[in-house]
Amino acid sequence: MEHTGNLDQKFSSFSEHWRPKVIAALNGQEVKLVKVQGEFPWHIHENCEEMFFVWKVRFRVEFRDHIVEMGPGEFVVVPRGVEHRTAADNEAEVLIFEPADVVNTGNVVVEHFTTPNGVKI
């Protein structure tokens, strides 16, 4: 069965920050929506890349040696094994593309940030 939907409607269906919601799955990957504000913990995904695509407002991915600032319509792919954290000064809406079994906090567990996989909207 195909996946269809409207991103604005999907984003308006939840309000919590740093809690990814799956909207589609394909070829072992998931497309997730997340609202973000503040800073996420530093972490590494040893075995996979992840892509962040900004839908609304501004968002950044911080690496130890540089920062990638993005606005709506811009994206970045974080290479596997590279330490990073994500952040937004104001609430931003972001799409994440990554393998279905990825733990959002990678190699660390942080009570407020680590979330269960597979939460769908």
N, C-alpha and C. Protein backbone atom coordinates (compact mmCIF):
# COMPACT_ATOMS: atom_id res chain seq x y z
N MET A 1 0.84 -1.18 0.00
CA MET A 1 0.00 0.00 0.00
C MET A 1 0.88 1.24 0.00
N GLU A 2 0.49 2.23 -0.78
CA GLU A 2 1.28 3.46 -0.86
C GLU A 2 1.10 4.32 0.39
N HIS A 3 2.09 5.18 0.63
CA HIS A 3 2.01 6.15 1.72
C HIS A 3 1.68 7.49 1.11
N THR A 4 0.68 8.16 1.65
CA THR A 4 0.34 9.50 1.19
C THR A 4 0.11 10.38 2.40
N GLY A 5 0.16 11.68 2.21
CA GLY A 5 -0.12 12.57 3.33
C GLY A 5 0.29 13.99 3.03
N ASN A 6 0.00 14.85 3.96
CA ASN A 6 0.31 16.27 3.88
C ASN A 6 1.23 16.61 5.05
N LEU A 7 2.42 17.12 4.77
CA LEU A 7 3.39 17.37 5.83
C LEU A 7 2.89 18.39 6.86
N ASP A 8 2.26 19.46 6.41
CA ASP A 8 1.74 20.44 7.38
C ASP A 8 0.73 19.80 8.33
N GLN A 9 -0.16 18.97 7.79
CA GLN A 9 -1.15 18.30 8.64
C GLN A 9 -0.48 17.33 9.60
N LYS A 10 0.50 16.59 9.10
CA LYS A 10 1.22 15.64 9.97
C LYS A 10 1.94 16.37 11.10
N PHE A 11 2.65 17.46 10.77
CA PHE A 11 3.36 18.21 11.81
C PHE A 11 2.39 18.81 12.82
N SER A 12 1.21 19.21 12.38
CA SER A 12 0.25 19.83 13.31
C SER A 12 -0.41 18.81 14.23
N SER A 13 -0.19 17.52 13.98
CA SER A 13 -0.83 16.48 14.80
C SER A 13 -0.07 16.15 16.09
N PHE A 14 1.09 16.78 16.29
CA PHE A 14 1.83 16.55 17.55
C PHE A 14 2.55 17.83 17.94
N SER A 15 2.95 17.91 19.22
CA SER A 15 3.58 19.13 19.71
C SER A 15 4.90 18.91 20.43
N GLU A 16 5.18 17.69 20.88
CA GLU A 16 6.39 17.45 21.67
C GLU A 16 7.65 17.59 20.82
N HIS A 17 8.72 17.98 21.48
CA HIS A 17 10.02 18.14 20.82
C HIS A 17 10.85 16.87 20.96
N TRP A 18 11.71 16.63 19.96
CA TRP A 18 12.69 15.55 19.96
C TRP A 18 12.05 14.16 20.02
N ARG A 19 10.82 14.02 19.52
CA ARG A 19 10.12 12.73 19.51
C ARG A 19 9.74 12.38 18.07
N PRO A 20 10.64 11.75 17.31
CA PRO A 20 10.37 11.46 15.90
C PRO A 20 9.12 10.60 15.69
N LYS A 21 8.40 10.93 14.63
CA LYS A 21 7.18 10.20 14.23
C LYS A 21 7.38 9.67 12.82
N VAL A 22 7.14 8.38 12.61
CA VAL A 22 7.32 7.76 11.30
C VAL A 22 6.10 8.07 10.43
N ILE A 23 6.37 8.58 9.21
CA ILE A 23 5.27 8.81 8.27
C ILE A 23 5.36 7.88 7.06
N ALA A 24 6.50 7.24 6.85
CA ALA A 24 6.65 6.33 5.72
C ALA A 24 7.85 5.42 5.96
N ALA A 25 7.80 4.25 5.31
CA ALA A 25 8.92 3.30 5.37
C ALA A 25 9.14 2.74 3.97
N LEU A 26 10.42 2.62 3.59
CA LEU A 26 10.75 2.07 2.28
C LEU A 26 12.16 1.53 2.29
N ASN A 27 12.32 0.33 1.74
CA ASN A 27 13.64 -0.27 1.59
C ASN A 27 14.46 -0.29 2.88
N GLY A 28 13.82 -0.58 4.01
CA GLY A 28 14.52 -0.63 5.28
C GLY A 28 14.79 0.73 5.91
N GLN A 29 14.35 1.78 5.26
CA GLN A 29 14.53 3.14 5.77
C GLN A 29 13.19 3.67 6.27
N GLU A 30 13.24 4.65 7.16
CA GLU A 30 12.04 5.35 7.59
C GLU A 30 12.19 6.83 7.33
N VAL A 31 11.06 7.46 7.03
CA VAL A 31 10.98 8.91 6.93
C VAL A 31 10.25 9.34 8.20
N LYS A 32 10.90 10.22 8.97
CA LYS A 32 10.36 10.63 10.26
C LYS A 32 10.20 12.15 10.29
N LEU A 33 9.19 12.59 11.02
CA LEU A 33 9.01 14.01 11.29
C LEU A 33 9.39 14.26 12.74
N VAL A 34 10.01 15.41 12.98
CA VAL A 34 10.36 15.76 14.36
C VAL A 34 10.29 17.28 14.51
N LYS A 35 9.77 17.70 15.65
CA LYS A 35 9.83 19.12 16.03
C LYS A 35 10.99 19.25 17.01
N VAL A 36 11.80 20.27 16.81
CA VAL A 36 12.99 20.44 17.64
C VAL A 36 13.09 21.86 18.16
N GLN A 37 13.64 21.98 19.34
CA GLN A 37 13.99 23.28 19.91
C GLN A 37 15.00 23.03 21.01
N GLY A 38 16.04 23.86 21.04
CA GLY A 38 17.12 23.65 21.98
C GLY A 38 18.22 22.80 21.37
N GLU A 39 18.96 22.09 22.23
CA GLU A 39 20.09 21.28 21.75
C GLU A 39 19.88 19.81 22.11
N PHE A 40 20.20 18.95 21.16
CA PHE A 40 20.15 17.50 21.34
C PHE A 40 21.53 17.05 21.84
N PRO A 41 21.64 15.94 22.54
CA PRO A 41 22.95 15.48 23.03
C PRO A 41 23.91 15.09 21.89
N TRP A 42 25.20 15.25 22.16
CA TRP A 42 26.24 14.77 21.23
C TRP A 42 26.13 13.25 21.15
N HIS A 43 26.27 12.70 19.94
CA HIS A 43 26.18 11.25 19.76
C HIS A 43 26.77 10.84 18.40
N ILE A 44 26.89 9.52 18.23
CA ILE A 44 27.43 8.93 17.00
C ILE A 44 26.51 7.78 16.58
N HIS A 45 26.30 7.64 15.28
CA HIS A 45 25.66 6.46 14.71
C HIS A 45 26.77 5.71 13.97
N GLU A 46 27.27 4.65 14.58
CA GLU A 46 28.44 3.94 14.04
C GLU A 46 28.19 3.30 12.68
N ASN A 47 26.96 2.82 12.44
CA ASN A 47 26.74 1.99 11.27
C ASN A 47 25.80 2.57 10.22
N CYS A 48 25.44 3.83 10.33
CA CYS A 48 24.53 4.37 9.32
C CYS A 48 24.66 5.89 9.20
N GLU A 49 24.26 6.36 8.02
CA GLU A 49 24.15 7.79 7.79
C GLU A 49 22.72 8.19 8.15
N GLU A 50 22.52 9.50 8.35
CA GLU A 50 21.16 10.01 8.50
C GLU A 50 21.08 11.35 7.79
N MET A 51 19.92 11.60 7.21
CA MET A 51 19.71 12.84 6.48
C MET A 51 18.67 13.68 7.20
N PHE A 52 18.96 14.97 7.35
CA PHE A 52 18.02 15.93 7.93
C PHE A 52 17.61 16.91 6.85
N PHE A 53 16.30 17.10 6.68
CA PHE A 53 15.74 18.03 5.70
C PHE A 53 14.84 19.00 6.45
N VAL A 54 15.13 20.29 6.35
CA VAL A 54 14.38 21.30 7.09
C VAL A 54 13.09 21.63 6.35
N TRP A 55 11.97 21.52 7.06
CA TRP A 55 10.67 21.86 6.50
C TRP A 55 10.32 23.30 6.86
N LYS A 56 10.46 23.67 8.14
CA LYS A 56 10.13 25.02 8.58
C LYS A 56 11.14 25.54 9.60
N VAL A 57 11.35 26.83 9.56
CA VAL A 57 12.20 27.62 10.45
C VAL A 57 13.67 27.31 10.15
N ARG A 58 14.55 27.40 11.14
CA ARG A 58 15.99 27.16 10.95
C ARG A 58 16.43 26.05 11.88
N PHE A 59 17.45 25.32 11.43
CA PHE A 59 17.93 24.13 12.13
C PHE A 59 19.41 24.01 11.84
N ARG A 60 20.13 23.42 12.78
CA ARG A 60 21.57 23.24 12.53
C ARG A 60 22.02 21.86 13.01
N VAL A 61 23.04 21.38 12.33
CA VAL A 61 23.74 20.18 12.78
C VAL A 61 25.14 20.63 13.14
N GLU A 62 25.52 20.38 14.38
CA GLU A 62 26.83 20.79 14.88
C GLU A 62 27.76 19.59 14.88
N PHE A 63 28.92 19.79 14.30
CA PHE A 63 30.00 18.81 14.34
C PHE A 63 31.08 19.40 15.25
N ARG A 64 32.04 18.62 15.65
CA ARG A 64 33.08 19.13 16.56
C ARG A 64 33.92 20.22 15.91
N ASP A 65 34.02 20.21 14.57
CA ASP A 65 34.89 21.19 13.90
C ASP A 65 34.16 22.21 13.03
N HIS A 66 32.83 22.09 12.89
CA HIS A 66 32.06 23.07 12.12
C HIS A 66 30.57 22.90 12.38
N ILE A 67 29.79 23.86 11.92
CA ILE A 67 28.34 23.85 12.09
C ILE A 67 27.69 24.04 10.72
N VAL A 68 26.66 23.25 10.42
CA VAL A 68 25.89 23.40 9.20
C VAL A 68 24.54 24.02 9.58
N GLU A 69 24.34 25.28 9.17
CA GLU A 69 23.09 26.02 9.42
C GLU A 69 22.19 25.85 8.21
N MET A 70 20.91 25.56 8.46
CA MET A 70 19.99 25.33 7.34
C MET A 70 18.66 26.02 7.57
N GLY A 71 18.02 26.37 6.46
CA GLY A 71 16.67 26.91 6.47
C GLY A 71 15.77 25.98 5.67
N PRO A 72 14.51 26.36 5.51
CA PRO A 72 13.55 25.53 4.79
C PRO A 72 14.06 25.13 3.40
N GLY A 73 13.90 23.84 3.09
CA GLY A 73 14.31 23.32 1.80
C GLY A 73 15.75 22.86 1.74
N GLU A 74 16.51 23.03 2.83
CA GLU A 74 17.92 22.63 2.83
C GLU A 74 18.09 21.34 3.63
N PHE A 75 19.15 20.60 3.31
CA PHE A 75 19.39 19.32 3.98
C PHE A 75 20.87 19.08 4.17
N VAL A 76 21.16 18.11 5.03
CA VAL A 76 22.53 17.63 5.24
C VAL A 76 22.46 16.14 5.52
N VAL A 77 23.47 15.42 5.06
CA VAL A 77 23.62 14.00 5.39
C VAL A 77 24.80 13.89 6.34
N VAL A 78 24.55 13.30 7.51
CA VAL A 78 25.61 13.08 8.50
C VAL A 78 26.23 11.72 8.21
N PRO A 79 27.53 11.68 7.95
CA PRO A 79 28.18 10.39 7.66
C PRO A 79 28.19 9.46 8.88
N ARG A 80 28.19 8.17 8.61
CA ARG A 80 28.27 7.20 9.71
C ARG A 80 29.56 7.42 10.51
N GLY A 81 29.47 7.21 11.82
CA GLY A 81 30.64 7.30 12.67
C GLY A 81 31.10 8.71 13.00
N VAL A 82 30.35 9.74 12.62
CA VAL A 82 30.76 11.12 12.87
C VAL A 82 29.94 11.69 14.03
N GLU A 83 30.64 12.16 15.06
CA GLU A 83 29.95 12.74 16.22
C GLU A 83 29.26 14.04 15.82
N HIS A 84 28.03 14.21 16.31
CA HIS A 84 27.26 15.40 15.97
C HIS A 84 26.15 15.61 16.99
N ARG A 85 25.55 16.77 16.92
CA ARG A 85 24.32 17.02 17.65
C ARG A 85 23.49 17.98 16.80
N THR A 86 22.19 17.98 17.03
CA THR A 86 21.30 18.86 16.30
C THR A 86 20.77 19.92 17.25
N ALA A 87 20.34 21.06 16.67
CA ALA A 87 19.88 22.16 17.51
C ALA A 87 19.02 23.13 16.70
N ALA A 88 18.17 23.86 17.41
CA ALA A 88 17.37 24.93 16.82
C ALA A 88 17.08 25.94 17.91
N ASP A 89 17.28 27.21 17.60
CA ASP A 89 17.01 28.26 18.57
C ASP A 89 15.51 28.47 18.77
N ASN A 90 14.74 28.30 17.70
CA ASN A 90 13.28 28.38 17.74
C ASN A 90 12.73 27.06 17.24
N GLU A 91 11.49 26.76 17.59
CA GLU A 91 10.92 25.48 17.17
C GLU A 91 10.99 25.32 15.66
N ALA A 92 11.63 24.24 15.23
CA ALA A 92 11.78 23.93 13.81
C ALA A 92 11.11 22.59 13.52
N GLU A 93 10.71 22.41 12.27
CA GLU A 93 10.13 21.16 11.81
C GLU A 93 11.08 20.54 10.80
N VAL A 94 11.45 19.27 11.04
CA VAL A 94 12.51 18.62 10.28
C VAL A 94 12.08 17.21 9.89
N LEU A 95 12.46 16.79 8.69
CA LEU A 95 12.29 15.41 8.26
C LEU A 95 13.63 14.70 8.43
N ILE A 96 13.57 13.46 8.90
CA ILE A 96 14.77 12.65 9.08
C ILE A 96 14.60 11.39 8.22
N PHE A 97 15.65 11.03 7.50
CA PHE A 97 15.68 9.82 6.69
C PHE A 97 16.79 8.94 7.24
N GLU A 98 16.43 7.73 7.74
CA GLU A 98 17.42 6.85 8.35
C GLU A 98 16.89 5.43 8.41
N PRO A 99 17.77 4.44 8.65
CA PRO A 99 17.32 3.06 8.77
C PRO A 99 16.30 2.91 9.91
N ALA A 100 15.38 1.98 9.73
CA ALA A 100 14.27 1.80 10.66
C ALA A 100 14.70 1.46 12.09
N ASP A 101 15.82 0.79 12.27
CA ASP A 101 16.20 0.34 13.61
C ASP A 101 17.14 1.30 14.35
N VAL A 102 17.36 2.49 13.84
CA VAL A 102 18.29 3.43 14.44
C VAL A 102 17.75 3.98 15.76
N VAL A 103 18.59 3.99 16.78
CA VAL A 103 18.25 4.66 18.04
C VAL A 103 18.58 6.13 17.85
N ASN A 104 17.63 7.00 18.13
CA ASN A 104 17.82 8.42 17.82
C ASN A 104 19.01 9.05 18.53
N THR A 105 19.39 8.54 19.68
CA THR A 105 20.54 9.10 20.39
C THR A 105 21.83 8.31 20.14
N GLY A 106 21.80 7.43 19.14
CA GLY A 106 23.02 6.73 18.74
C GLY A 106 23.66 5.93 19.85
N ASN A 107 24.90 6.27 20.14
CA ASN A 107 25.71 5.50 21.09
C ASN A 107 25.50 5.91 22.54
N VAL A 108 24.59 6.83 22.83
CA VAL A 108 24.32 7.25 24.21
C VAL A 108 22.84 7.07 24.52
N VAL A 109 22.53 6.92 25.80
CA VAL A 109 21.15 6.87 26.24
C VAL A 109 20.94 8.06 27.17
N VAL A 110 20.01 8.91 26.80
CA VAL A 110 19.70 10.10 27.58
C VAL A 110 18.20 10.09 27.83
N GLU A 111 17.81 9.94 29.08
CA GLU A 111 16.40 9.70 29.43
C GLU A 111 15.42 10.61 28.71
N HIS A 112 15.64 11.89 28.72
CA HIS A 112 14.69 12.83 28.14
C HIS A 112 14.67 12.78 26.61
N PHE A 113 15.74 12.30 25.98
CA PHE A 113 15.87 12.36 24.52
C PHE A 113 15.71 11.01 23.80
N THR A 114 16.18 9.92 24.40
CA THR A 114 16.10 8.62 23.73
C THR A 114 14.64 8.18 23.63
N THR A 115 14.21 7.85 22.40
CA THR A 115 12.80 7.53 22.17
C THR A 115 12.65 6.14 21.57
N PRO A 116 11.46 5.56 21.72
CA PRO A 116 11.23 4.26 21.09
C PRO A 116 11.14 4.40 19.57
N ASN A 117 11.49 3.35 18.87
CA ASN A 117 11.38 3.34 17.41
C ASN A 117 9.97 3.01 16.98
N GLY A 118 9.62 3.37 15.75
CA GLY A 118 8.39 2.92 15.14
C GLY A 118 7.12 3.65 15.54
N VAL A 119 7.22 4.81 16.19
CA VAL A 119 6.02 5.57 16.55
C VAL A 119 5.50 6.24 15.27
N LYS A 120 4.30 5.83 14.84
CA LYS A 120 3.77 6.27 13.56
C LYS A 120 2.63 7.28 13.75
N ILE A 121 2.52 8.17 12.76
CA ILE A 121 1.37 9.08 12.72
C ILE A 121 0.77 9.02 11.33
